[in-house]
Amino acid sequence: METQLGRRTQAIVLGGTLERLVAEMHQLEARKVELLAEMASAARLSARVMLGRTEILGLVEAAVKDYRGVLTQQTTEARGILRELLA
């Protein structure tokens, strides 16, 4: 990607078709941004995958605790949720 951008820059300096080369550079820059975002997303995902059994169990227990709180405080909504789950 960086090599392609460098080549386009050099082509502009050497007198290539400016509009076309600039458009290609913009496309390459946009693709670079997309790839960097995908890499960051993959890094975040891999960090989640590396959770140990204890961390996962803690997350599940916290979620269950949150649901219990909602179910005891909002009984009308809780009944609807339970109906959906049992159906």
Protein backbone atom coordinates (compact mmCIF):
# COMPACT_ATOMS: atom_id res chain seq x y z
CA MET A 1 0.00 0.00 0.00
CA GLU A 2 2.74 2.46 1.00
CA THR A 3 4.76 1.41 -2.04
CA GLN A 4 1.81 2.07 -4.35
CA LEU A 5 1.26 5.49 -2.81
CA GLY A 6 4.95 6.27 -3.26
CA ARG A 7 4.81 5.26 -6.91
CA ARG A 8 1.77 7.48 -7.51
CA THR A 9 3.53 10.39 -5.84
CA GLN A 10 6.61 9.83 -7.99
CA ALA A 11 4.44 9.63 -11.14
CA ILE A 12 2.90 13.01 -10.25
CA VAL A 13 6.38 14.51 -9.82
CA LEU A 14 7.45 13.07 -13.16
CA GLY A 15 4.46 14.63 -14.89
CA GLY A 16 1.83 11.89 -15.13
CA THR A 17 -1.86 12.61 -15.63
CA LEU A 18 -2.51 14.54 -12.44
CA GLU A 19 -6.25 14.01 -12.06
CA ARG A 20 -6.10 10.26 -12.58
CA LEU A 21 -3.10 9.81 -10.30
CA VAL A 22 -4.64 11.93 -7.54
CA ALA A 23 -7.87 9.93 -7.79
CA GLU A 24 -5.91 6.68 -7.50
CA MET A 25 -4.05 8.07 -4.48
CA HIS A 26 -7.35 8.95 -2.82
CA GLN A 27 -8.62 5.42 -3.44
CA LEU A 28 -5.46 3.94 -1.98
CA GLU A 29 -5.66 6.19 1.07
CA ALA A 30 -9.30 5.22 1.63
CA ARG A 31 -8.40 1.53 1.36
CA LYS A 32 -5.55 2.08 3.80
CA VAL A 33 -7.94 3.60 6.34
CA GLU A 34 -10.32 0.65 5.89
CA LEU A 35 -7.52 -1.87 6.38
CA LEU A 36 -6.25 -0.12 9.50
CA ALA A 37 -9.77 -0.14 10.95
CA GLU A 38 -10.12 -3.84 10.17
CA MET A 39 -6.77 -4.57 11.80
CA ALA A 40 -7.78 -2.65 14.93
CA SER A 41 -11.07 -4.54 15.04
CA ALA A 42 -9.28 -7.87 14.69
CA ALA A 43 -6.89 -6.91 17.49
CA ARG A 44 -9.81 -6.09 19.78
CA LEU A 45 -11.50 -9.35 18.88
CA SER A 46 -8.38 -11.40 19.51
CA ALA A 47 -8.01 -9.73 22.91
CA ARG A 48 -11.52 -10.92 23.78
CA VAL A 49 -10.77 -14.42 22.55
CA MET A 50 -7.80 -14.59 24.88
CA LEU A 51 -10.00 -14.31 27.98
CA GLY A 52 -9.49 -17.12 30.41
CA ARG A 53 -12.15 -19.30 31.97
CA THR A 54 -12.26 -17.14 35.11
CA GLU A 55 -12.77 -13.90 33.16
CA ILE A 56 -15.51 -15.44 31.03
CA LEU A 57 -17.27 -16.83 34.09
CA GLY A 58 -17.09 -13.38 35.71
CA LEU A 59 -18.63 -11.73 32.65
CA VAL A 60 -21.45 -14.28 32.53
CA GLU A 61 -22.16 -13.94 36.25
CA ALA A 62 -22.25 -10.14 35.95
CA ALA A 63 -24.71 -10.38 33.04
CA VAL A 64 -26.95 -12.76 34.99
CA LYS A 65 -26.84 -10.44 37.99
CA ASP A 66 -27.87 -7.51 35.77
CA TYR A 67 -30.79 -9.50 34.38
CA ARG A 68 -31.90 -10.55 37.85
CA GLY A 69 -31.94 -6.90 38.88
CA VAL A 70 -34.02 -5.90 35.86
CA LEU A 71 -36.42 -8.81 36.36
CA THR A 72 -37.05 -7.96 40.04
CA GLN A 73 -37.42 -4.22 39.47
CA GLN A 74 -39.54 -4.29 36.32
CA THR A 75 -41.92 -7.18 36.79
CA THR A 76 -44.24 -6.33 33.90
CA GLU A 77 -41.35 -6.36 31.42
CA ALA A 78 -39.91 -9.43 33.12
CA ARG A 79 -43.10 -11.40 32.53
CA GLY A 80 -42.98 -10.55 28.83
CA ILE A 81 -39.32 -11.57 28.62
CA LEU A 82 -40.03 -14.86 30.40
CA ARG A 83 -42.97 -15.59 28.09
CA GLU A 84 -40.69 -15.10 25.08
CA LEU A 85 -37.98 -17.28 26.56
CA LEU A 86 -40.36 -20.09 27.46
CA ALA A 87 -42.16 -20.07 24.11
